[in-house]
C-alpha cells in the first residue's frame, strides 16, 4: 500500500506544479498586462494537458503496473510536447534580429480560417511577436522559465513511471 500512496502523492505534486505554472501565467497576463503570444498559448495547453492527466491518474489510481505506467507515459508525452514548444520559443528568441520571421496573423484569426493542422504548423514555425522578449526575471525570458518548469514537471511522471515498473504486482 505504501507504493500506491507515494504514486498518488507524485501525481498530486505534479498537479500542484501545473497549478502554480498556470497561476503565474495568468497572473502575468491579467495582473501584469502581458498578452500571451501563440507559442505561449501552446505552452499553456501543455501545462493544462499534463495537469489533467496527472489529476485523473491521482483520482483513478489504477492498481496495476500497466495502468500506472500508461498514465505516467501520457503525462510525460504532454510534458514533452509543452517542453518542445517552450524550447522552440527560447530558440526563436535567441535568433539574431535579421533572422526573426515576420509577424503573422493572430491565433484567433488563424483558428477561424485555417485547418487545425495548418494552425499548429504556423504557430510552431514562430513569428516576430513570439521572438519579442516582453519580460525577464533573473536574466531569463519567460519562455526560458517555462522550459525550466517543464523540466521540473517531467520529474513527476518519470518518478511515477519508475515506481510503476518497480512494483511487484
C-alpha atoms as a PDB file:
ATOM      1  CA  UNK A   1       0.000   0.000   0.000  1.00  0.00           C
ATOM      2  CA  UNK A   2       2.937   2.356   0.576  1.00  0.00           C
ATOM      3  CA  UNK A   3       3.824   2.216  -3.108  1.00  0.00           C
ATOM      4  CA  UNK A   4       0.324   3.306  -4.176  1.00  0.00           C
ATOM      5  CA  UNK A   5       0.227   6.193  -1.692  1.00  0.00           C
ATOM      6  CA  UNK A   6       3.573   7.517  -2.919  1.00  0.00           C
ATOM      7  CA  UNK A   7       2.448   7.168  -6.537  1.00  0.00           C
ATOM      8  CA  UNK A   8      -0.670   9.231  -5.854  1.00  0.00           C
ATOM      9  CA  UNK A   9       1.407  11.840  -3.999  1.00  0.00           C
ATOM     10  CA  UNK A  10       3.709  12.169  -7.027  1.00  0.00           C
ATOM     11  CA  UNK A  11       0.708  12.673  -9.307  1.00  0.00           C
ATOM     12  CA  UNK A  12      -0.717  15.308  -6.946  1.00  0.00           C
ATOM     13  CA  UNK A  13       2.691  17.001  -6.705  1.00  0.00           C
ATOM     14  CA  UNK A  14       2.732  17.294 -10.496  1.00  0.00           C
ATOM     15  CA  UNK A  15      -0.790  18.722 -10.447  1.00  0.00           C
ATOM     16  CA  UNK A  16       0.350  21.291  -7.873  1.00  0.00           C
ATOM     17  CA  UNK A  17       3.252  22.361 -10.093  1.00  0.00           C
ATOM     18  CA  UNK A  18       0.888  22.662 -13.072  1.00  0.00           C
ATOM     19  CA  UNK A  19      -1.437  24.844 -10.986  1.00  0.00           C
ATOM     20  CA  UNK A  20       1.493  27.015  -9.935  1.00  0.00           C
ATOM     21  CA  UNK A  21       2.696  27.399 -13.521  1.00  0.00           C
ATOM     22  CA  UNK A  22      -0.790  28.374 -14.695  1.00  0.00           C
ATOM     23  CA  UNK A  23      -1.266  30.773 -11.776  1.00  0.00           C
ATOM     24  CA  UNK A  24       1.972  32.550 -12.712  1.00  0.00           C
ATOM     25  CA  UNK A  25       0.993  32.663 -16.411  1.00  0.00           C
ATOM     26  CA  UNK A  26      -2.480  34.003 -15.682  1.00  0.00           C
ATOM     27  CA  UNK A  27      -1.139  36.452 -13.119  1.00  0.00           C
ATOM     28  CA  UNK A  28       1.361  37.825 -15.611  1.00  0.00           C
ATOM     29  CA  UNK A  29      -1.425  38.140 -18.164  1.00  0.00           C
ATOM     30  CA  UNK A  30      -4.216  39.610 -16.056  1.00  0.00           C
ATOM     31  CA  UNK A  31      -2.268  41.493 -13.386  1.00  0.00           C
ATOM     32  CA  UNK A  32       0.968  42.224 -15.236  1.00  0.00           C
ATOM     33  CA  UNK A  33      -0.715  43.021 -18.552  1.00  0.00           C
ATOM     34  CA  UNK A  34       1.454  40.648 -20.627  1.00  0.00           C
ATOM     35  CA  UNK A  35      -0.501  39.304 -23.589  1.00  0.00           C
ATOM     36  CA  UNK A  36       0.462  35.697 -24.456  1.00  0.00           C
ATOM     37  CA  UNK A  37       1.765  35.029 -27.961  1.00  0.00           C
ATOM     38  CA  UNK A  38       0.629  31.904 -29.870  1.00  0.00           C
ATOM     39  CA  UNK A  39       3.611  29.860 -28.619  1.00  0.00           C
ATOM     40  CA  UNK A  40       2.790  30.894 -25.042  1.00  0.00           C
ATOM     41  CA  UNK A  41      -0.778  29.672 -25.546  1.00  0.00           C
ATOM     42  CA  UNK A  42       0.526  26.303 -26.792  1.00  0.00           C
ATOM     43  CA  UNK A  43       2.803  26.064 -23.739  1.00  0.00           C
ATOM     44  CA  UNK A  44      -0.218  26.653 -21.519  1.00  0.00           C
ATOM     45  CA  UNK A  45      -2.023  23.846 -23.323  1.00  0.00           C
ATOM     46  CA  UNK A  46       0.925  21.561 -22.489  1.00  0.00           C
ATOM     47  CA  UNK A  47       0.740  22.530 -18.806  1.00  0.00           C
ATOM     48  CA  UNK A  48      -3.028  22.035 -18.693  1.00  0.00           C
ATOM     49  CA  UNK A  49      -2.865  18.682 -20.521  1.00  0.00           C
ATOM     50  CA  UNK A  50      -0.204  17.448 -18.102  1.00  0.00           C
ATOM     51  CA  UNK A  51      -2.245  18.622 -15.121  1.00  0.00           C
ATOM     52  CA  UNK A  52      -5.394  16.910 -16.385  1.00  0.00           C
ATOM     53  CA  UNK A  53      -3.613  13.588 -16.986  1.00  0.00           C
ATOM     54  CA  UNK A  54      -1.975  13.710 -13.547  1.00  0.00           C
ATOM     55  CA  UNK A  55      -5.247  14.686 -11.826  1.00  0.00           C
ATOM     56  CA  UNK A  56      -7.094  11.809 -13.497  1.00  0.00           C
ATOM     57  CA  UNK A  57      -4.233   9.478 -12.556  1.00  0.00           C
ATOM     58  CA  UNK A  58      -4.425  10.534  -8.907  1.00  0.00           C
ATOM     59  CA  UNK A  59      -8.220  10.238  -8.869  1.00  0.00           C
ATOM     60  CA  UNK A  60      -8.448   6.962 -10.765  1.00  0.00           C
ATOM     61  CA  UNK A  61      -5.448   5.483  -9.009  1.00  0.00           C
ATOM     62  CA  UNK A  62      -5.067   2.273 -11.065  1.00  0.00           C
ATOM     63  CA  UNK A  63      -3.838  -0.743  -9.142  1.00  0.00           C
ATOM     64  CA  UNK A  64      -1.812  -2.430 -11.873  1.00  0.00           C
ATOM     65  CA  UNK A  65       1.616  -1.680 -13.200  1.00  0.00           C
ATOM     66  CA  UNK A  66       0.400  -1.176 -16.783  1.00  0.00           C
ATOM     67  CA  UNK A  67      -2.343   1.299 -15.807  1.00  0.00           C
ATOM     68  CA  UNK A  68       0.058   3.381 -13.764  1.00  0.00           C
ATOM     69  CA  UNK A  69       2.660   3.212 -16.484  1.00  0.00           C
ATOM     70  CA  UNK A  70       0.126   4.375 -19.067  1.00  0.00           C
ATOM     71  CA  UNK A  71      -0.832   7.428 -17.007  1.00  0.00           C
ATOM     72  CA  UNK A  72       2.829   8.267 -16.415  1.00  0.00           C
ATOM     73  CA  UNK A  73       3.610   7.925 -20.136  1.00  0.00           C
ATOM     74  CA  UNK A  74       0.641  10.096 -21.123  1.00  0.00           C
ATOM     75  CA  UNK A  75       1.749  12.779 -18.679  1.00  0.00           C
ATOM     76  CA  UNK A  76       5.293  12.528 -19.986  1.00  0.00           C
ATOM     77  CA  UNK A  77       4.060  12.985 -23.579  1.00  0.00           C
ATOM     78  CA  UNK A  78       2.158  16.129 -22.530  1.00  0.00           C
ATOM     79  CA  UNK A  79       5.233  17.465 -20.715  1.00  0.00           C
ATOM     80  CA  UNK A  80       7.439  16.700 -23.718  1.00  0.00           C
ATOM     81  CA  UNK A  81       5.054  18.498 -26.070  1.00  0.00           C
ATOM     82  CA  UNK A  82       4.965  21.596 -23.881  1.00  0.00           C
ATOM     83  CA  UNK A  83       8.708  21.456 -23.347  1.00  0.00           C
ATOM     84  CA  UNK A  84       9.291  21.209 -27.093  1.00  0.00           C
ATOM     85  CA  UNK A  85       7.183  24.326 -27.688  1.00  0.00           C
ATOM     86  CA  UNK A  86       8.977  26.180 -24.882  1.00  0.00           C
ATOM     87  CA  UNK A  87      12.354  25.160 -26.304  1.00  0.00           C
ATOM     88  CA  UNK A  88      11.295  26.325 -29.749  1.00  0.00           C
ATOM     89  CA  UNK A  89      10.211  29.640 -28.215  1.00  0.00           C
ATOM     90  CA  UNK A  90      13.562  30.100 -26.468  1.00  0.00           C
ATOM     91  CA  UNK A  91      15.364  29.286 -29.724  1.00  0.00           C
ATOM     92  CA  UNK A  92      13.243  31.802 -31.621  1.00  0.00           C
ATOM     93  CA  UNK A  93      14.070  34.487 -29.055  1.00  0.00           C
ATOM     94  CA  UNK A  94      17.774  33.769 -29.422  1.00  0.00           C
ATOM     95  CA  UNK A  95      17.826  34.399 -33.183  1.00  0.00           C
ATOM     96  CA  UNK A  96      19.608  37.486 -34.490  1.00  0.00           C
ATOM     97  CA  UNK A  97      17.165  40.267 -35.424  1.00  0.00           C
ATOM     98  CA  UNK A  98      17.711  39.762 -39.159  1.00  0.00           C
ATOM     99  CA  UNK A  99      16.715  36.071 -38.917  1.00  0.00           C
ATOM    100  CA  UNK A 100      13.494  36.536 -36.939  1.00  0.00           C
ATOM    101  CA  UNK A 101      10.436  35.634 -39.033  1.00  0.00           C
ATOM    102  CA  UNK A 102       7.953  38.383 -39.740  1.00  0.00           C
ATOM    103  CA  UNK A 103       4.841  38.727 -37.628  1.00  0.00           C
ATOM    104  CA  UNK A 104       1.928  36.634 -38.779  1.00  0.00           C
ATOM    105  CA  UNK A 105      -1.802  36.757 -38.160  1.00  0.00           C
ATOM    106  CA  UNK A 106      -3.164  36.354 -34.650  1.00  0.00           C
ATOM    107  CA  UNK A 107      -4.050  32.948 -33.228  1.00  0.00           C
ATOM    108  CA  UNK A 108      -7.786  33.767 -33.086  1.00  0.00           C
ATOM    109  CA  UNK A 109      -7.815  34.624 -36.786  1.00  0.00           C
ATOM    110  CA  UNK A 110      -5.841  31.505 -37.734  1.00  0.00           C
ATOM    111  CA  UNK A 111      -8.228  29.294 -35.762  1.00  0.00           C
ATOM    112  CA  UNK A 112     -11.166  30.805 -37.665  1.00  0.00           C
ATOM    113  CA  UNK A 113      -9.807  30.470 -41.204  1.00  0.00           C
ATOM    114  CA  UNK A 114      -7.213  27.680 -41.249  1.00  0.00           C
ATOM    115  CA  UNK A 115      -7.475  23.938 -40.663  1.00  0.00           C
ATOM    116  CA  UNK A 116      -6.041  22.890 -37.286  1.00  0.00           C
ATOM    117  CA  UNK A 117      -3.014  21.195 -38.866  1.00  0.00           C
ATOM    118  CA  UNK A 118      -2.030  24.462 -40.585  1.00  0.00           C
ATOM    119  CA  UNK A 119      -2.598  26.457 -37.395  1.00  0.00           C
ATOM    120  CA  UNK A 120      -0.251  24.174 -35.476  1.00  0.00           C
ATOM    121  CA  UNK A 121       2.394  24.243 -38.212  1.00  0.00           C
ATOM    122  CA  UNK A 122       2.182  28.036 -38.495  1.00  0.00           C
ATOM    123  CA  UNK A 123       2.402  28.603 -34.741  1.00  0.00           C
ATOM    124  CA  UNK A 124       5.336  26.216 -34.324  1.00  0.00           C
ATOM    125  CA  UNK A 125       7.230  27.923 -37.128  1.00  0.00           C
ATOM    126  CA  UNK A 126       7.067  31.047 -34.978  1.00  0.00           C
ATOM    127  CA  UNK A 127       6.523  34.669 -35.778  1.00  0.00           C
ATOM    128  CA  UNK A 128       8.063  38.000 -34.940  1.00  0.00           C
ATOM    129  CA  UNK A 129       5.787  38.582 -31.983  1.00  0.00           C
ATOM    130  CA  UNK A 130       6.983  35.328 -30.392  1.00  0.00           C
ATOM    131  CA  UNK A 131      10.600  36.457 -30.728  1.00  0.00           C
ATOM    132  CA  UNK A 132       9.981  39.559 -28.590  1.00  0.00           C
ATOM    133  CA  UNK A 133      11.153  39.261 -25.012  1.00  0.00           C
ATOM    134  CA  UNK A 134       8.342  41.043 -23.197  1.00  0.00           C
ATOM    135  CA  UNK A 135       9.674  40.336 -19.709  1.00  0.00           C
ATOM    136  CA  UNK A 136      12.511  38.544 -17.997  1.00  0.00           C
ATOM    137  CA  UNK A 137      13.414  37.531 -14.487  1.00  0.00           C
ATOM    138  CA  UNK A 138      16.942  36.844 -13.240  1.00  0.00           C
ATOM    139  CA  UNK A 139      18.254  37.220 -16.780  1.00  0.00           C
ATOM    140  CA  UNK A 140      15.955  34.582 -18.294  1.00  0.00           C
ATOM    141  CA  UNK A 141      12.948  35.192 -20.532  1.00  0.00           C
ATOM    142  CA  UNK A 142       9.525  33.865 -19.560  1.00  0.00           C
ATOM    143  CA  UNK A 143       9.724  31.012 -22.120  1.00  0.00           C
ATOM    144  CA  UNK A 144      13.088  30.010 -20.617  1.00  0.00           C
ATOM    145  CA  UNK A 145      11.473  29.859 -17.178  1.00  0.00           C
ATOM    146  CA  UNK A 146       8.612  27.862 -18.651  1.00  0.00           C
ATOM    147  CA  UNK A 147      11.121  25.429 -20.154  1.00  0.00           C
ATOM    148  CA  UNK A 148      12.697  25.052 -16.700  1.00  0.00           C
ATOM    149  CA  UNK A 149       9.201  24.459 -15.331  1.00  0.00           C
ATOM    150  CA  UNK A 150       8.611  21.698 -17.881  1.00  0.00           C
ATOM    151  CA  UNK A 151      11.937  20.079 -16.980  1.00  0.00           C
ATOM    152  CA  UNK A 152      10.919  20.093 -13.314  1.00  0.00           C
ATOM    153  CA  UNK A 153       7.453  18.880 -14.207  1.00  0.00           C
ATOM    154  CA  UNK A 154       8.938  15.940 -16.135  1.00  0.00           C
ATOM    155  CA  UNK A 155      10.380  14.627 -12.864  1.00  0.00           C
ATOM    156  CA  UNK A 156       6.895  13.714 -11.626  1.00  0.00           C
ATOM    157  CA  UNK A 157       5.792  11.368 -14.437  1.00  0.00           C
ATOM    158  CA  UNK A 158       9.333   9.976 -14.680  1.00  0.00           C
ATOM    159  CA  UNK A 159       9.276   9.112 -10.979  1.00  0.00           C
ATOM    160  CA  UNK A 160       5.772   7.688 -11.371  1.00  0.00           C
ATOM    161  CA  UNK A 161       6.918   5.567 -14.293  1.00  0.00           C
ATOM    162  CA  UNK A 162       9.942   4.363 -12.344  1.00  0.00           C
ATOM    163  CA  UNK A 163       7.781   3.420  -9.390  1.00  0.00           C
ATOM    164  CA  UNK A 164       5.121   1.744 -11.575  1.00  0.00           C
ATOM    165  CA  UNK A 165       7.684  -0.575 -13.100  1.00  0.00           C
ATOM    166  CA  UNK A 166       9.433  -1.240  -9.788  1.00  0.00           C
ATOM    167  CA  UNK A 167       6.273  -2.512  -8.126  1.00  0.00           C
ATOM    168  CA  UNK A 168       5.924  -6.246  -7.795  1.00  0.00           C
ATOM    169  CA  UNK A 169       2.278  -6.702  -8.820  1.00  0.00           C
END
